[in-house]
């Protein structure tokens, strides 16, 4: 008789769901923190152009520079957060052997 009650593999399903949830949270964190960083940098660089009466050329330069720098830092922040997460969790799946019934060669 089957004494498992249909619960075979639920541990893996929970682990898989937990990993997907962790990835989703990390992506959200990366995007939100990068957006905040980009907005602050844009505000610092382009802020004077929006607050003070400067020439059109200077205003255009400051706004373009702020937008460009903000976009670059947004991208760098997202990539660095996600790379760190991937590096920290690279061995998360290494707890079980690659083939059922065999021992893990690293043990």
Protein backbone atom coordinates (compact mmCIF):
# COMPACT_ATOMS: atom_id res chain seq x y z
CA UNK A 1 0.00 0.00 0.00
CA UNK A 2 0.99 3.59 -0.48
CA UNK A 3 1.71 5.09 2.93
CA UNK A 4 2.67 8.48 1.54
CA UNK A 5 -0.88 9.72 1.09
CA UNK A 6 -0.07 11.48 -2.17
CA UNK A 7 2.50 13.78 -0.57
CA UNK A 8 5.53 12.57 -2.50
CA UNK A 9 7.46 15.47 -3.93
CA UNK A 10 5.73 18.21 -1.96
CA UNK A 11 9.00 19.13 -0.27
CA UNK A 12 10.52 19.87 -3.65
CA UNK A 13 7.45 21.80 -4.70
CA UNK A 14 7.68 23.94 -1.57
CA UNK A 15 11.40 24.50 -2.13
CA UNK A 16 10.75 25.41 -5.74
CA UNK A 17 7.97 27.81 -4.76
CA UNK A 18 10.17 29.33 -2.06
CA UNK A 19 12.93 29.90 -4.61
CA UNK A 20 10.51 31.51 -7.04
CA UNK A 21 9.20 33.74 -4.26
CA UNK A 22 12.73 34.70 -3.26
CA UNK A 23 13.61 35.57 -6.86
CA UNK A 24 10.44 37.65 -7.18
CA UNK A 25 11.19 39.56 -3.99
CA UNK A 26 14.79 40.13 -5.05
CA UNK A 27 13.73 41.43 -8.47
CA UNK A 28 11.28 43.80 -6.80
CA UNK A 29 13.96 44.99 -4.40
CA UNK A 30 16.44 45.50 -7.25
CA UNK A 31 13.95 47.52 -9.30
CA UNK A 32 12.70 49.66 -6.39
CA UNK A 33 16.15 50.45 -5.03
CA UNK A 34 17.44 51.20 -8.53
CA UNK A 35 14.48 53.47 -9.25
CA UNK A 36 15.08 55.34 -5.98
CA UNK A 37 18.79 55.72 -6.77
CA UNK A 38 18.07 56.94 -10.31
CA UNK A 39 15.50 59.47 -9.06
CA UNK A 40 17.88 60.84 -6.42
CA UNK A 41 20.74 61.16 -8.92
CA UNK A 42 18.47 62.81 -11.49
CA UNK A 43 17.21 65.23 -8.84
CA UNK A 44 20.71 66.13 -7.71
CA UNK A 45 22.06 66.67 -11.22
CA UNK A 46 19.00 68.18 -12.93
CA UNK A 47 17.53 69.87 -9.86
CA UNK A 48 19.37 73.16 -10.29
CA UNK A 49 18.11 73.40 -13.87
CA UNK A 50 14.54 73.04 -12.66
CA UNK A 51 14.88 75.38 -9.65
CA UNK A 52 17.08 78.22 -10.91
CA UNK A 53 16.68 80.38 -13.98
CA UNK A 54 19.53 79.10 -16.11
CA UNK A 55 20.10 79.40 -19.84
CA UNK A 56 18.36 76.89 -22.09
CA UNK A 57 21.66 75.26 -23.05
CA UNK A 58 22.66 74.72 -19.42
CA UNK A 59 19.18 73.46 -18.50
CA UNK A 60 19.21 71.01 -21.40
CA UNK A 61 22.68 69.79 -20.52
CA UNK A 62 21.84 69.27 -16.84
CA UNK A 63 18.57 67.47 -17.57
CA UNK A 64 20.17 65.24 -20.23
CA UNK A 65 23.14 64.50 -17.97
CA UNK A 66 20.87 63.68 -15.04
CA UNK A 67 18.69 61.39 -17.15
CA UNK A 68 21.69 59.61 -18.66
CA UNK A 69 23.47 59.16 -15.35
CA UNK A 70 20.24 58.02 -13.69
CA UNK A 71 19.62 55.43 -16.42
CA UNK A 72 23.18 54.12 -16.19
CA UNK A 73 23.06 53.84 -12.40
CA UNK A 74 19.61 52.21 -12.57
CA UNK A 75 21.01 49.50 -14.83
CA UNK A 76 24.17 49.02 -12.78
CA UNK A 77 22.14 48.74 -9.55
CA UNK A 78 19.72 46.14 -10.95
CA UNK A 79 22.51 44.04 -12.42
CA UNK A 80 24.64 44.20 -9.26
CA UNK A 81 21.77 43.27 -6.93
CA UNK A 82 20.66 40.35 -9.10
CA UNK A 83 24.24 39.12 -9.61
CA UNK A 84 24.86 39.19 -5.86
CA UNK A 85 21.62 37.28 -5.28
CA UNK A 86 22.54 34.68 -7.90
CA UNK A 87 26.05 34.30 -6.49
CA UNK A 88 24.77 33.95 -2.91
CA UNK A 89 22.20 31.34 -3.95
CA UNK A 90 24.25 29.46 -6.53
CA UNK A 91 24.66 26.45 -4.26
CA UNK A 92 21.02 26.41 -3.05
CA UNK A 93 20.19 23.40 -5.20
CA UNK A 94 23.34 21.47 -4.26
CA UNK A 95 21.87 19.79 -1.20
CA UNK A 96 20.55 16.78 -3.09
CA UNK A 97 22.33 14.42 -5.44
CA UNK A 98 21.77 14.92 -9.13
CA UNK A 99 20.42 11.39 -9.57
CA UNK A 100 17.98 9.71 -7.20
CA UNK A 101 19.43 6.78 -5.29
CA UNK A 102 23.00 7.97 -5.54
CA UNK A 103 25.02 9.75 -2.94
CA UNK A 104 26.22 13.28 -3.45
CA UNK A 105 29.86 13.13 -4.68
CA UNK A 106 30.73 16.18 -2.58
CA UNK A 107 29.84 14.45 0.69
